[in-house]
Protein backbone atom coordinates (compact mmCIF):
# COMPACT_ATOMS: atom_id res chain seq x y z
CA UNK A 1 101.34 117.60 99.12
CA UNK A 2 104.25 115.62 100.99
CA UNK A 3 103.64 112.94 103.20
CA UNK A 4 104.01 115.04 106.25
CA UNK A 5 101.50 117.47 105.03
CA UNK A 6 98.83 114.81 104.07
CA UNK A 7 99.37 112.93 107.38
CA UNK A 8 98.61 116.29 108.97
CA UNK A 9 95.58 118.10 106.74
CA UNK A 10 94.06 115.20 104.53
CA UNK A 11 90.35 114.68 104.78
CA UNK A 12 89.39 117.55 106.88
CA UNK A 13 88.80 120.66 106.36
CA UNK A 14 88.71 123.23 109.81
CA UNK A 15 86.48 125.61 107.68
CA UNK A 16 83.73 123.47 107.14
CA UNK A 17 81.51 123.05 110.42
CA UNK A 18 82.32 124.17 113.66
CA UNK A 19 85.95 125.01 112.66
CA UNK A 20 87.49 122.90 115.03
CA UNK A 21 90.97 122.38 114.52
CA UNK A 22 90.90 118.78 115.93
CA UNK A 23 88.87 116.42 114.19
CA UNK A 24 85.81 115.41 116.51
CA UNK A 25 85.15 112.48 117.48
CA UNK A 26 81.85 111.42 116.28
CA UNK A 27 80.87 108.70 119.16
CA UNK A 28 77.51 107.73 117.68
CA UNK A 29 76.55 103.85 116.49
CA UNK A 30 73.37 105.71 114.34
CA UNK A 31 72.69 108.80 112.51
CA UNK A 32 69.18 110.97 111.38
CA UNK A 33 68.63 110.94 108.65
CA UNK A 34 66.01 113.42 108.21
CA UNK A 35 63.78 111.60 105.36
CA UNK A 36 62.42 108.20 104.66
CA UNK A 37 63.92 109.52 101.01
CA UNK A 38 67.50 110.55 102.11
CA UNK A 39 67.79 106.97 104.17
CA UNK A 40 66.97 104.46 101.22
CA UNK A 41 69.32 106.46 99.35
CA UNK A 42 71.86 106.25 101.51
CA UNK A 43 71.57 102.34 100.81
CA UNK A 44 70.76 102.00 97.39
CA UNK A 45 74.60 104.51 97.65
CA UNK A 46 72.56 107.17 95.28
CA UNK A 47 73.77 109.64 97.85
CA UNK A 48 76.55 109.53 100.08
CA UNK A 49 76.82 109.66 104.21
CA UNK A 50 76.85 108.04 107.42
CA UNK A 51 74.18 105.34 107.67
CA UNK A 52 75.30 103.36 110.67
CA UNK A 53 78.69 103.42 112.77
CA UNK A 54 79.31 99.59 111.69
CA UNK A 55 79.50 100.80 108.18
CA UNK A 56 80.65 104.42 107.86
CA UNK A 57 81.73 106.89 110.26
CA UNK A 58 82.75 110.58 109.99
CA UNK A 59 86.22 110.37 112.11
CA UNK A 60 86.95 107.05 110.34
CA UNK A 61 86.15 108.52 107.18
CA UNK A 62 88.91 111.06 108.10
CA UNK A 63 91.29 108.40 108.73
CA UNK A 64 90.59 106.18 106.26
CA UNK A 65 91.19 108.60 103.51
CA UNK A 66 94.24 109.89 105.30
CA UNK A 67 96.18 106.41 105.20
CA UNK A 68 94.97 106.01 101.21
CA UNK A 69 96.28 109.26 101.23
CA UNK A 70 99.61 108.36 102.75
CA UNK A 71 99.84 105.47 100.39
CA UNK A 72 99.13 106.53 97.04
CA UNK A 73 96.01 104.52 96.75
CA UNK A 74 92.27 105.36 95.76
CA UNK A 75 90.58 104.57 98.85
CA UNK A 76 90.82 102.94 102.22
CA UNK A 77 89.01 100.86 105.00
CA UNK A 78 89.57 100.68 108.80
CA UNK A 79 89.14 97.57 110.87
CA UNK A 80 89.32 96.66 114.55
CA UNK A 81 92.54 94.90 114.40
CA UNK A 82 95.38 94.44 112.05
CA UNK A 83 94.96 90.44 111.67
CA UNK A 84 90.95 91.76 110.75
CA UNK A 85 92.74 93.74 108.00
CA UNK A 86 94.49 90.99 106.62
CA UNK A 87 91.49 88.11 106.60
CA UNK A 88 89.26 91.30 104.96
CA UNK A 89 91.64 91.67 102.57
CA UNK A 90 91.98 87.76 101.58
CA UNK A 91 88.24 87.03 102.29
CA UNK A 92 87.46 90.03 99.69
CA UNK A 93 89.07 87.65 97.12
CA UNK A 94 89.07 84.30 97.89
CA UNK A 95 86.19 81.76 98.94
CA UNK A 96 85.79 77.93 99.70
CA UNK A 97 87.98 76.05 97.14
CA UNK A 98 90.22 78.61 96.04
CA UNK A 99 93.90 79.06 97.26
CA UNK A 100 96.26 82.16 98.14
CA UNK A 101 99.68 82.16 98.29
CA UNK A 102 101.58 83.34 101.52
CA UNK A 103 105.28 84.23 101.81
CA UNK A 104 107.01 81.99 104.20
CA UNK A 105 108.77 84.99 106.09
CA UNK A 106 105.96 87.01 108.05
CA UNK A 107 104.56 87.69 111.24
CA UNK A 108 103.64 84.49 113.25
CA UNK A 109 99.76 85.18 113.83
CA UNK A 110 99.48 86.12 110.18
CA UNK A 111 101.18 82.61 109.11
CA UNK A 112 98.14 80.95 111.81
CA UNK A 113 95.53 82.97 110.14
CA UNK A 114 96.33 82.47 106.16
CA UNK A 115 97.73 78.81 106.61
CA UNK A 116 95.93 77.06 109.17
CA UNK A 117 92.51 79.11 110.58
CA UNK A 118 91.56 80.39 107.03
CA UNK A 119 91.69 76.24 106.21
CA UNK A 120 88.08 76.39 108.33
CA UNK A 121 86.55 78.04 105.54
CA UNK A 122 87.58 76.43 102.50
CA UNK A 123 90.43 78.06 101.28
CA UNK A 124 93.52 76.77 101.43
CA UNK A 125 97.96 78.14 101.58
CA UNK A 126 100.64 77.38 99.34
CA UNK A 127 104.06 79.22 100.72
CA UNK A 128 106.68 81.10 98.48
CA UNK A 129 109.52 82.64 99.20
CA UNK A 130 109.26 86.17 98.88
CA UNK A 131 112.78 87.21 98.25
CA UNK A 132 114.18 85.14 95.31
CA UNK A 133 110.43 84.36 93.79
CA UNK A 134 111.57 82.10 92.00
CA UNK A 135 108.95 79.38 93.35
CA UNK A 136 106.19 81.67 92.96
CA UNK A 137 104.90 81.14 88.97
CA UNK A 138 104.45 77.43 89.35
CA UNK A 139 102.38 77.84 92.53
CA UNK A 140 99.49 80.17 91.09
CA UNK A 141 96.28 77.97 89.22
CA UNK A 142 93.06 79.41 87.95
CA UNK A 143 91.87 78.78 91.80
CA UNK A 144 94.63 81.27 93.00
CA UNK A 145 92.97 84.32 94.74
CA UNK A 146 95.59 86.66 96.13
CA UNK A 147 99.35 86.70 96.76
CA UNK A 148 100.39 87.99 100.67
CA UNK A 149 103.61 88.92 101.45
CA UNK A 150 104.72 91.92 104.41
CA UNK A 151 107.55 94.29 102.58
CA UNK A 152 109.74 94.48 105.74
CA UNK A 153 109.10 91.23 107.20
CA UNK A 154 108.54 90.71 111.15
CA UNK A 155 110.44 89.37 112.54
CA UNK A 156 113.47 88.61 110.37
CA UNK A 157 113.60 91.42 108.62
CA UNK A 158 113.75 90.51 105.19
CA UNK A 159 112.61 92.37 102.28
CA UNK A 160 110.56 91.08 99.52
CA UNK A 161 111.24 91.27 95.68
CA UNK A 162 107.96 93.78 95.12
CA UNK A 163 108.80 94.35 91.74
CA UNK A 164 109.18 90.79 90.73
CA UNK A 165 105.98 89.42 92.65
CA UNK A 166 103.54 92.38 90.81
CA UNK A 167 105.21 91.50 87.31
CA UNK A 168 104.18 87.65 87.99
CA UNK A 169 100.82 88.33 89.56
CA UNK A 170 99.97 91.05 86.99
CA UNK A 171 100.81 87.97 84.00
CA UNK A 172 98.09 86.14 85.91
CA UNK A 173 95.69 88.84 86.60
CA UNK A 174 96.15 88.12 89.83
CA UNK A 175 95.42 90.08 93.32
CA UNK A 176 98.95 91.08 95.42
CA UNK A 177 98.35 92.14 98.91
CA UNK A 178 101.24 93.47 100.77
CA UNK A 179 101.72 94.35 104.67
CA UNK A 180 103.12 97.63 105.45
CA UNK A 181 103.41 97.59 108.96
CA UNK A 182 106.80 97.70 109.36
CA UNK A 183 108.14 99.81 106.61
CA UNK A 184 104.83 102.13 106.96
CA UNK A 185 103.73 104.50 104.42
CA UNK A 186 106.57 106.95 105.74
CA UNK A 187 109.76 104.80 104.37
CA UNK A 188 107.92 103.14 100.99
CA UNK A 189 105.10 102.79 99.21
CA UNK A 190 104.02 99.61 97.54
CA UNK A 191 101.21 100.60 95.55
CA UNK A 192 103.64 103.02 93.54
CA UNK A 193 105.78 99.45 92.67
CA UNK A 194 102.66 98.02 91.71
CA UNK A 195 100.97 96.07 94.22
CA UNK A 196 97.42 96.11 94.55
CA UNK A 197 96.27 96.23 98.03
CA UNK A 198 98.22 97.40 101.57
CA UNK A 199 97.07 96.44 104.54
CA UNK A 200 98.80 97.61 108.14
CA UNK A 201 98.13 96.88 111.40
CA UNK A 202 97.50 100.47 112.73
CA UNK A 203 98.46 99.40 116.45
CA UNK A 204 102.17 100.04 115.84
CA UNK A 205 103.82 102.34 114.04
CA UNK A 206 100.63 104.40 113.38
CA UNK A 207 99.42 104.29 116.99
CA UNK A 208 103.07 104.85 117.85
CA UNK A 209 102.65 104.41 121.87
CA UNK A 210 100.06 100.51 121.78
CA UNK A 211 97.09 102.49 122.68
CA UNK A 212 94.66 101.44 120.09
CA UNK A 213 94.16 97.90 117.97
CA UNK A 214 93.38 98.97 114.87
CA UNK A 215 94.22 97.90 111.22
CA UNK A 216 93.59 99.64 107.72
CA UNK A 217 93.00 98.51 103.70
CA UNK A 218 94.19 100.55 101.06
CA UNK A 219 93.41 99.64 97.16
CA UNK A 220 95.59 100.92 94.73
CA UNK A 221 94.25 102.90 91.85
CA UNK A 222 94.86 100.03 89.35
CA UNK A 223 92.83 97.68 91.04
CA UNK A 224 88.91 98.37 89.58
CA UNK A 225 90.87 97.90 86.22
CA UNK A 226 92.27 94.33 87.52
CA UNK A 227 88.98 93.23 88.59
CA UNK A 228 86.79 94.21 86.17
CA UNK A 229 85.52 91.86 83.73
CA UNK A 230 88.43 89.11 85.53
CA UNK A 231 87.62 85.99 85.63
CA UNK A 232 89.11 84.83 88.23
CA UNK A 233 87.10 87.00 90.49
CA UNK A 234 83.27 86.62 89.04
CA UNK A 235 81.99 87.77 92.19
CA UNK A 236 82.94 91.53 91.60
CA UNK A 237 81.13 90.79 87.82
CA UNK A 238 78.10 89.10 89.06
CA UNK A 239 75.23 89.72 91.09
CA UNK A 240 75.85 90.19 94.75
CA UNK A 241 72.20 88.36 95.84
CA UNK A 242 72.81 89.34 99.21
CA UNK A 243 72.50 93.17 98.12
CA UNK A 244 69.46 93.24 95.86
CA UNK A 245 71.73 91.72 93.26
CA UNK A 246 74.29 94.44 92.86
CA UNK A 247 77.20 94.51 90.42
CA UNK A 248 80.10 95.85 91.95
CA UNK A 249 81.88 95.98 88.56
CA UNK A 250 78.92 98.75 87.24
CA UNK A 251 79.88 101.24 89.68
CA UNK A 252 83.82 101.15 89.03
CA UNK A 253 83.38 104.54 87.68
CA UNK A 254 82.22 105.68 91.01
CA UNK A 255 83.46 103.85 93.64
CA UNK A 256 86.95 102.15 94.65
CA UNK A 257 84.96 98.29 94.24
CA UNK A 258 87.44 96.22 96.30
CA UNK A 259 86.82 98.58 99.79
CA UNK A 260 83.18 99.00 98.81
CA UNK A 261 82.30 95.28 98.74
CA UNK A 262 84.56 94.92 102.07
CA UNK A 263 82.14 97.55 103.45
CA UNK A 264 79.10 96.40 102.44
CA UNK A 265 79.81 92.66 103.00
CA UNK A 266 82.10 91.67 104.71
CA UNK A 267 82.38 95.01 107.36
CA UNK A 268 78.76 95.04 107.15
CA UNK A 269 78.03 91.14 107.78
CA UNK A 270 80.92 90.38 110.36
CA UNK A 271 81.43 93.69 111.87
CA UNK A 272 85.41 93.83 112.71
CA UNK A 273 84.63 98.01 112.94
CA UNK A 274 87.14 100.53 114.21
CA UNK A 275 85.57 102.38 117.16
CA UNK A 276 85.66 106.20 116.65
CA UNK A 277 87.42 107.12 119.30
CA UNK A 278 90.50 104.60 118.21
CA UNK A 279 90.06 106.32 114.54
CA UNK A 280 90.92 110.08 116.53
CA UNK A 281 93.77 108.21 118.16
CA UNK A 282 95.48 106.91 114.77
CA UNK A 283 94.70 110.50 113.33
CA UNK A 284 96.93 111.88 116.03
CA UNK A 285 99.60 109.43 115.40
CA UNK A 286 99.69 110.16 111.89
CA UNK A 287 100.61 113.60 112.23
CA UNK A 288 103.54 112.54 114.10
CA UNK A 289 104.15 109.37 112.27
CA UNK A 290 106.97 110.57 109.88
CA UNK A 291 109.24 111.82 112.71
CA UNK A 292 108.71 109.35 114.75
CA UNK A 293 109.86 106.56 112.23
CA UNK A 294 112.50 108.72 111.17
CA UNK A 295 113.90 108.72 114.72
CA UNK A 296 113.34 105.01 115.28
CA UNK A 297 115.09 104.16 112.23
CA UNK A 298 117.97 106.59 112.80
CA UNK A 299 118.05 104.75 116.48
CA UNK A 300 117.97 101.73 115.23
CA UNK A 301 120.68 101.64 112.98
CA UNK A 302 123.17 103.09 115.89
CA UNK A 303 121.95 100.31 117.88
CA UNK A 304 122.08 97.40 115.00
CA UNK A 305 126.00 99.18 114.37
CA UNK A 306 126.28 98.09 117.89
CA UNK A 307 125.10 94.64 117.77
CA UNK A 308 127.18 94.01 114.63
CA UNK A 309 130.46 94.54 116.41
CA UNK A 310 129.42 92.84 119.65
CA UNK A 311 131.96 89.46 119.70
CA UNK A 312 129.36 87.40 121.39
CA UNK A 313 126.26 88.06 118.04
CA UNK A 314 126.15 85.61 115.69
CA UNK A 315 124.43 87.64 112.98
CA UNK A 316 122.39 90.93 112.93
CA UNK A 317 118.72 91.55 110.26
CA UNK A 318 119.27 95.00 109.71
CA UNK A 319 118.80 96.59 105.94
CA UNK A 320 119.87 99.91 107.13
CA UNK A 321 123.55 98.22 107.79
CA UNK A 322 125.93 98.56 105.50
CA UNK A 323 127.25 95.02 105.25
CA UNK A 324 123.44 94.00 104.61
CA UNK A 325 122.81 92.63 101.13
CA UNK A 326 119.66 94.60 100.67
CA UNK A 327 120.90 97.78 101.63
CA UNK A 328 121.30 99.02 98.26
CA UNK A 329 117.67 98.37 97.94
CA UNK A 330 116.73 100.82 100.66
CA UNK A 331 119.38 103.56 99.84
CA UNK A 332 117.56 103.23 96.03
CA UNK A 333 114.10 102.72 97.11
CA UNK A 334 113.29 103.67 101.12
CA UNK A 335 113.26 107.43 102.30
CA UNK A 336 116.09 108.90 103.06
CA UNK A 337 117.77 105.43 103.30
CA UNK A 338 116.11 104.85 106.57
CA UNK A 339 114.80 101.00 107.38
CA UNK A 340 112.80 101.52 110.10
CA UNK A 341 112.91 100.84 113.68
CA UNK A 342 112.57 97.36 113.95
CA UNK A 343 115.83 94.55 113.53
CA UNK A 344 116.61 91.30 114.97
CA UNK A 345 119.66 89.40 115.95
CA UNK A 346 121.06 85.83 117.02
CA UNK A 347 122.42 84.65 119.91
CA UNK A 348 124.08 81.47 121.02
CA UNK A 349 120.84 79.26 122.36
CA UNK A 350 117.57 79.94 123.37
CA UNK A 351 118.69 80.37 127.16
CA UNK A 352 121.54 82.96 126.74
CA UNK A 353 118.39 84.59 124.13
CA UNK A 354 115.81 84.35 127.65
CA UNK A 355 118.95 85.91 129.91
CA UNK A 356 118.87 88.42 127.89
CA UNK A 357 115.38 89.80 127.67
CA UNK A 358 115.73 88.77 131.98
CA UNK A 359 118.38 90.98 132.18
CA UNK A 360 117.47 94.29 130.08
CA UNK A 361 116.37 97.60 132.36
CA UNK A 362 114.93 100.06 129.41
CA UNK A 363 113.75 97.55 126.74
CA UNK A 364 110.57 96.39 128.35
CA UNK A 365 109.48 92.31 127.58
CA UNK A 366 106.53 93.25 125.19
CA UNK A 367 105.22 91.47 121.78
CA UNK A 368 104.10 94.87 120.12
CA UNK A 369 106.06 96.97 117.91
CA UNK A 370 106.32 100.67 116.77
CA UNK A 371 105.83 102.31 120.16
CA UNK A 372 107.86 105.30 121.68
CA UNK A 373 109.50 102.88 123.99
CA UNK A 374 112.10 100.27 123.19
CA UNK A 375 110.54 96.59 123.15
CA UNK A 376 112.26 93.08 123.37
CA UNK A 377 110.46 89.84 121.65
CA UNK A 378 111.60 86.19 121.88
CA UNK A 379 109.59 85.06 118.78
CA UNK A 380 110.28 81.62 118.77
CA UNK A 381 108.80 81.45 122.59
CA UNK A 382 105.93 84.17 122.13
CA UNK A 383 104.86 85.45 118.61
CA UNK A 384 105.82 82.11 116.50
CA UNK A 385 105.23 79.73 119.23
CA UNK A 386 102.09 78.03 117.92
CA UNK A 387 104.71 77.21 114.84
CA UNK A 388 106.12 73.53 114.77
CA UNK A 389 109.97 73.71 114.68
CA UNK A 390 110.08 73.04 110.70
CA UNK A 391 108.38 76.16 110.14
CA UNK A 392 110.14 78.33 112.31
CA UNK A 393 112.64 76.77 110.35
CA UNK A 394 111.57 77.73 107.14
CA UNK A 395 110.54 81.43 108.55
CA UNK A 396 114.33 81.60 109.24
CA UNK A 397 113.46 81.97 113.33
CA UNK A 398 116.14 80.28 115.33
CA UNK A 399 115.76 79.29 118.95
CA UNK A 400 118.43 82.43 119.70
CA UNK A 401 116.64 84.99 117.72
CA UNK A 402 116.07 87.91 119.41
CA UNK A 403 113.54 91.07 118.07
CA UNK A 404 114.20 94.77 119.06
CA UNK A 405 111.44 97.51 118.21
CA UNK A 406 113.69 100.59 118.68
CA UNK A 407 111.79 103.55 120.68
CA UNK A 408 112.82 107.00 121.03
CA UNK A 409 115.20 106.92 123.56
CA UNK A 410 118.42 107.94 123.85
CA UNK A 411 120.14 105.62 121.51
CA UNK A 412 123.33 105.41 123.89
CA UNK A 413 121.07 104.38 126.54
CA UNK A 414 119.80 101.60 124.87
CA UNK A 415 123.07 100.11 123.47
CA UNK A 416 124.22 100.35 127.15
CA UNK A 417 121.19 98.40 128.30
CA UNK A 418 121.61 95.93 125.60
CA UNK A 419 125.51 95.52 126.43
CA UNK A 420 124.88 94.81 130.30
CA UNK A 421 121.80 92.26 129.36
CA UNK A 422 124.49 90.58 126.85
CA UNK A 423 127.23 90.50 129.32
CA UNK A 424 125.00 89.39 132.32
CA UNK A 425 123.25 86.73 129.77
CA UNK A 426 127.16 85.16 128.85
CA UNK A 427 128.20 85.46 132.39
CA UNK A 428 125.48 83.46 133.57
CA UNK A 429 125.78 80.70 130.67
CA UNK A 430 129.40 80.44 131.75
CA UNK A 431 128.77 79.91 135.23
CA UNK A 432 126.36 77.10 134.14
CA UNK A 433 128.59 75.31 131.83
CA UNK A 434 131.57 75.34 134.58
């Protein structure tokens, strides 16, 4: 099936149960097992079925299977937020004494989580250039457990050299984790390029209207083979004392053991569970995701072309532009050559940037992306403000950088809004200089 059909139907059969066309919301914390034996069988994995909504829920099952199908993965698991998805994806691989390798161009919250917060868990981070990848191999050692990057980075809109990252990781038996939030499963599938794990902040394009905070993790078909017998990941191959000595590798024939361990260990113990209602809302979002992402992308290209032609704009970051060095890759690897609804551009300085934000009328000053309504953000003072100046510079975030999440409004209206805001920003700057 094609993606549009998968997004609408996969994981739910209307001919089973009541016949409800909409996926039901199972707003329940617990389930009646019917017998002591059934309860015991489910906890020992001899029988599959709902246990407790912190672990399993029928509404979540549909969402998880559907996002996994869209990404071309083996299995999916949902979390209460995108940050929780990133943390679980890494914590499932690394422990105290280990290290991870993280791309320098990623979302600011992910940078803080993976380079600072995670230190408190005894896991250290090394930074690499996900575009050139020239420094990656030298950073890998026996304790390296994951290589994390964004397929389309937020807010720099850089494209990772996925093929080269995968090649190097596979050489050492390491696991790659790609955040595919910006590109979405509609435009790009990292797993088809050999990436092992994909994560999403489902709060963004999947939700589509900023209604639900959520995350998702998808494991690739090849991951079981990589984990089983791999000394780098002994915890998948030795007894888990927290689960009666369960050896995950022994279950590789019946389960995706990567997501299984997240469910039985991290989700069970930490509890960053997605609610049934939010899962239901995200299912609605998936049904229209293909249509929306394509329209977001078409609008973004028009806006990017306007900004590129504006005499006061220093640079525009959008791989859909013909002038972009990334355009050929996008045309060859992204659906219909579309490049998402996210772009960024640089104006003269901090004051000009903030003035633009203060003078837009249609754009909303918000720190979300992927909404049906257009959003404008100043990363240096918001999403990345916690980073010191040297880290901001290394990440390609200047004081004059503005990020746009282009919505579903008329593109001409958005262009006129930016045109007027830029005019007023530079008039005010001129008046100030005088």
